[in-house]
Amino acid sequence: MGAQRTTFEKLQRDRAKKAKAAAKRERRLEKNEDGETETPEVSVPTEGELSAPQLLELIEQVHRQFENKEITLEELEERRTELLARLPIS
C-alpha cells in the first residue's frame, strides 16, 4: 500500500507556519543591539523544492553566518531544518 499524500489543508498550514517563521526571523534580524538594521546574508526562496547544489550552497551560507557569529545556534538549526525539509523526494 502506498503512502498517503498530504492534504491541501496541511500543505497550507505548513506554508503559513514557514511564512510566520520567516517573518519572525526578519524582525529578529532587523533588531540589532545598536538599534541599526541589518540585512540577512542568505536569500532563501520561500516556495518549491531546491536542487541539491542550491541546497548545499544555502546550507554553506547559513553555516558561514553561524561561524561569523551573525546568527545563533538555534537560528542555524532552524534554517538548516527548513532547508532540508525542502529536499526533492524521488
N, C-alpha and C. Protein backbone atom coordinates (compact mmCIF):
# COMPACT_ATOMS: atom_id res chain seq x y z
N MET A 1 0.84 -1.16 0.00
CA MET A 1 0.00 0.00 0.00
C MET A 1 0.89 1.24 0.00
N GLY A 2 0.57 2.20 -0.83
CA GLY A 2 1.38 3.41 -0.94
C GLY A 2 1.15 4.35 0.22
N ALA A 3 2.06 5.28 0.36
CA ALA A 3 1.96 6.27 1.42
C ALA A 3 0.84 7.25 1.10
N GLN A 4 0.12 7.67 2.11
CA GLN A 4 -0.97 8.61 1.94
C GLN A 4 -0.40 9.99 1.67
N ARG A 5 -0.95 10.66 0.70
CA ARG A 5 -0.48 12.00 0.36
C ARG A 5 -1.01 13.01 1.36
N THR A 6 -0.25 14.10 1.50
CA THR A 6 -0.70 15.15 2.40
C THR A 6 -1.86 15.91 1.78
N THR A 7 -2.73 16.39 2.63
CA THR A 7 -3.88 17.13 2.16
C THR A 7 -3.50 18.56 1.85
N PHE A 8 -4.35 19.21 1.07
CA PHE A 8 -4.12 20.59 0.70
C PHE A 8 -4.11 21.48 1.95
N GLU A 9 -4.99 21.20 2.89
CA GLU A 9 -5.05 22.00 4.11
C GLU A 9 -3.74 21.89 4.90
N LYS A 10 -3.19 20.69 4.95
CA LYS A 10 -1.92 20.52 5.68
C LYS A 10 -0.80 21.30 4.98
N LEU A 11 -0.79 21.24 3.66
CA LEU A 11 0.22 22.00 2.93
C LEU A 11 0.08 23.49 3.20
N GLN A 12 -1.17 23.97 3.24
CA GLN A 12 -1.40 25.38 3.52
C GLN A 12 -0.93 25.74 4.93
N ARG A 13 -1.20 24.87 5.91
CA ARG A 13 -0.74 25.12 7.28
C ARG A 13 0.78 25.17 7.34
N ASP A 14 1.43 24.24 6.64
CA ASP A 14 2.90 24.21 6.63
C ASP A 14 3.46 25.48 6.00
N ARG A 15 2.85 25.92 4.91
CA ARG A 15 3.31 27.15 4.25
C ARG A 15 3.11 28.36 5.15
N ALA A 16 1.97 28.41 5.84
CA ALA A 16 1.70 29.52 6.74
C ALA A 16 2.69 29.52 7.90
N LYS A 17 3.02 28.33 8.41
CA LYS A 17 3.97 28.22 9.50
C LYS A 17 5.35 28.70 9.06
N LYS A 18 5.75 28.33 7.85
CA LYS A 18 7.06 28.75 7.33
C LYS A 18 7.09 30.26 7.11
N ALA A 19 5.97 30.81 6.61
CA ALA A 19 5.91 32.25 6.37
C ALA A 19 5.99 33.00 7.70
N LYS A 20 5.31 32.50 8.72
CA LYS A 20 5.35 33.13 10.03
C LYS A 20 6.77 33.09 10.61
N ALA A 21 7.44 31.94 10.45
CA ALA A 21 8.81 31.80 10.94
C ALA A 21 9.74 32.76 10.19
N ALA A 22 9.54 32.89 8.89
CA ALA A 22 10.38 33.79 8.10
C ALA A 22 10.16 35.24 8.53
N ALA A 23 8.91 35.61 8.79
CA ALA A 23 8.63 36.98 9.24
C ALA A 23 9.26 37.23 10.60
N LYS A 24 9.19 36.25 11.47
CA LYS A 24 9.80 36.39 12.79
C LYS A 24 11.31 36.54 12.68
N ARG A 25 11.90 35.73 11.78
CA ARG A 25 13.34 35.79 11.58
C ARG A 25 13.74 37.16 11.03
N GLU A 26 12.95 37.71 10.11
CA GLU A 26 13.24 39.03 9.55
C GLU A 26 13.18 40.10 10.63
N ARG A 27 12.17 40.04 11.50
CA ARG A 27 12.07 41.02 12.58
C ARG A 27 13.27 40.93 13.50
N ARG A 28 13.70 39.70 13.79
CA ARG A 28 14.85 39.50 14.66
C ARG A 28 16.11 40.06 14.03
N LEU A 29 16.26 39.87 12.72
CA LEU A 29 17.45 40.37 12.04
C LEU A 29 17.46 41.89 11.97
N GLU A 30 16.27 42.49 11.89
CA GLU A 30 16.20 43.95 11.81
C GLU A 30 16.60 44.60 13.12
N LYS A 31 16.32 43.91 14.21
CA LYS A 31 16.68 44.46 15.52
C LYS A 31 18.14 44.15 15.81
N ASN A 32 18.87 45.15 16.02
CA ASN A 32 20.28 45.00 16.34
C ASN A 32 20.50 45.65 17.70
N GLU A 33 21.48 45.21 18.41
CA GLU A 33 21.74 45.77 19.73
C GLU A 33 22.01 47.28 19.69
N ASP A 34 22.55 47.75 18.59
CA ASP A 34 22.84 49.17 18.45
C ASP A 34 21.66 49.96 17.90
N GLY A 35 20.60 49.26 17.59
CA GLY A 35 19.44 49.93 17.01
C GLY A 35 19.55 50.07 15.50
N GLU A 36 20.63 49.58 14.93
CA GLU A 36 20.81 49.65 13.49
C GLU A 36 20.10 48.46 12.86
N THR A 37 19.72 48.62 11.59
CA THR A 37 19.11 47.50 10.89
C THR A 37 20.18 46.79 10.09
N GLU A 38 19.99 45.50 9.95
CA GLU A 38 20.92 44.71 9.16
C GLU A 38 20.12 43.85 8.20
N THR A 39 20.73 43.51 7.08
CA THR A 39 20.05 42.69 6.10
C THR A 39 20.59 41.28 6.16
N PRO A 40 19.73 40.28 5.97
CA PRO A 40 20.21 38.91 6.01
C PRO A 40 21.11 38.61 4.82
N GLU A 41 22.13 37.81 5.05
CA GLU A 41 23.08 37.46 4.00
C GLU A 41 22.49 36.39 3.08
N VAL A 42 21.72 35.48 3.64
CA VAL A 42 21.20 34.35 2.89
C VAL A 42 19.82 34.68 2.35
N SER A 43 19.66 34.54 1.06
CA SER A 43 18.36 34.73 0.44
C SER A 43 17.80 33.35 0.10
N VAL A 44 16.81 32.93 0.88
CA VAL A 44 16.25 31.59 0.71
C VAL A 44 14.90 31.71 0.02
N PRO A 45 14.73 31.02 -1.11
CA PRO A 45 13.42 31.01 -1.75
C PRO A 45 12.39 30.43 -0.79
N THR A 46 11.18 31.00 -0.77
CA THR A 46 10.19 30.58 0.20
C THR A 46 9.35 29.40 -0.25
N GLU A 47 9.28 29.12 -1.52
CA GLU A 47 8.42 28.05 -2.01
C GLU A 47 9.19 27.12 -2.93
N GLY A 48 8.68 25.91 -3.08
CA GLY A 48 9.22 24.96 -4.05
C GLY A 48 10.40 24.17 -3.53
N GLU A 49 10.79 23.21 -4.34
CA GLU A 49 11.92 22.36 -3.98
C GLU A 49 13.22 22.99 -4.47
N LEU A 50 14.29 22.64 -3.83
CA LEU A 50 15.61 23.13 -4.20
C LEU A 50 16.39 22.00 -4.83
N SER A 51 17.24 22.34 -5.79
CA SER A 51 18.14 21.33 -6.33
C SER A 51 19.24 21.08 -5.31
N ALA A 52 19.93 19.97 -5.44
CA ALA A 52 20.99 19.63 -4.49
C ALA A 52 22.08 20.70 -4.43
N PRO A 53 22.57 21.21 -5.57
CA PRO A 53 23.61 22.25 -5.48
C PRO A 53 23.11 23.53 -4.81
N GLN A 54 21.85 23.92 -5.09
CA GLN A 54 21.28 25.11 -4.44
C GLN A 54 21.19 24.90 -2.94
N LEU A 55 20.73 23.73 -2.55
CA LEU A 55 20.58 23.40 -1.14
C LEU A 55 21.92 23.44 -0.42
N LEU A 56 22.94 22.83 -1.01
CA LEU A 56 24.27 22.83 -0.39
C LEU A 56 24.83 24.24 -0.24
N GLU A 57 24.63 25.08 -1.25
CA GLU A 57 25.12 26.45 -1.20
C GLU A 57 24.43 27.22 -0.07
N LEU A 58 23.12 27.06 0.05
CA LEU A 58 22.38 27.76 1.10
C LEU A 58 22.80 27.28 2.49
N ILE A 59 23.01 25.99 2.64
CA ILE A 59 23.45 25.46 3.93
C ILE A 59 24.84 25.98 4.26
N GLU A 60 25.72 26.06 3.27
CA GLU A 60 27.06 26.61 3.49
C GLU A 60 26.98 28.07 3.95
N GLN A 61 26.10 28.85 3.32
CA GLN A 61 25.95 30.25 3.70
C GLN A 61 25.46 30.38 5.13
N VAL A 62 24.51 29.54 5.51
CA VAL A 62 23.98 29.58 6.87
C VAL A 62 25.08 29.23 7.88
N HIS A 63 25.88 28.22 7.55
CA HIS A 63 26.97 27.84 8.44
C HIS A 63 28.03 28.94 8.54
N ARG A 64 28.29 29.64 7.43
CA ARG A 64 29.24 30.76 7.47
C ARG A 64 28.72 31.86 8.38
N GLN A 65 27.41 32.12 8.30
CA GLN A 65 26.83 33.13 9.18
C GLN A 65 27.01 32.74 10.65
N PHE A 66 26.82 31.46 10.95
CA PHE A 66 27.00 31.00 12.32
C PHE A 66 28.46 31.13 12.76
N GLU A 67 29.38 30.76 11.88
CA GLU A 67 30.80 30.86 12.21
C GLU A 67 31.23 32.32 12.44
N ASN A 68 30.60 33.24 11.70
CA ASN A 68 30.90 34.66 11.86
C ASN A 68 30.11 35.30 13.00
N LYS A 69 29.37 34.46 13.74
CA LYS A 69 28.57 34.89 14.88
C LYS A 69 27.50 35.89 14.48
N GLU A 70 26.95 35.74 13.26
CA GLU A 70 25.86 36.59 12.81
C GLU A 70 24.51 36.02 13.22
N ILE A 71 24.46 34.70 13.45
CA ILE A 71 23.23 34.05 13.89
C ILE A 71 23.56 33.12 15.06
N THR A 72 22.54 32.77 15.82
CA THR A 72 22.73 31.88 16.97
C THR A 72 22.63 30.42 16.53
N LEU A 73 22.98 29.53 17.44
CA LEU A 73 22.88 28.10 17.17
C LEU A 73 21.44 27.70 16.88
N GLU A 74 20.49 28.28 17.62
CA GLU A 74 19.08 27.98 17.39
C GLU A 74 18.64 28.39 16.00
N GLU A 75 19.07 29.57 15.55
CA GLU A 75 18.72 30.04 14.21
C GLU A 75 19.36 29.14 13.15
N LEU A 76 20.60 28.72 13.39
CA LEU A 76 21.27 27.81 12.47
C LEU A 76 20.47 26.52 12.31
N GLU A 77 20.09 25.92 13.43
CA GLU A 77 19.34 24.67 13.37
C GLU A 77 17.99 24.86 12.71
N GLU A 78 17.32 25.98 13.00
CA GLU A 78 16.01 26.25 12.41
C GLU A 78 16.10 26.38 10.89
N ARG A 79 17.07 27.17 10.43
CA ARG A 79 17.23 27.39 8.99
C ARG A 79 17.65 26.10 8.27
N ARG A 80 18.56 25.35 8.90
CA ARG A 80 19.01 24.10 8.30
C ARG A 80 17.85 23.11 8.19
N THR A 81 17.02 23.04 9.21
CA THR A 81 15.85 22.16 9.18
C THR A 81 14.89 22.57 8.08
N GLU A 82 14.65 23.88 7.95
CA GLU A 82 13.77 24.37 6.90
C GLU A 82 14.30 24.01 5.51
N LEU A 83 15.61 24.15 5.33
CA LEU A 83 16.20 23.85 4.03
C LEU A 83 16.13 22.35 3.73
N LEU A 84 16.47 21.53 4.70
CA LEU A 84 16.46 20.08 4.48
C LEU A 84 15.05 19.56 4.24
N ALA A 85 14.06 20.23 4.79
CA ALA A 85 12.67 19.80 4.58
C ALA A 85 12.25 20.01 3.12
N ARG A 86 12.99 20.82 2.40
CA ARG A 86 12.65 21.11 1.01
C ARG A 86 13.43 20.29 0.01
N LEU A 87 14.10 19.24 0.49
CA LEU A 87 14.80 18.34 -0.42
C LEU A 87 13.82 17.69 -1.38
N PRO A 88 14.18 17.58 -2.65
CA PRO A 88 13.30 16.89 -3.58
C PRO A 88 13.23 15.41 -3.22
N ILE A 89 12.02 14.90 -3.13
CA ILE A 89 11.82 13.49 -2.79
C ILE A 89 11.48 12.73 -4.06
N SER A 90 12.29 11.73 -4.34
CA SER A 90 12.09 10.95 -5.58
C SER A 90 11.20 9.77 -5.33
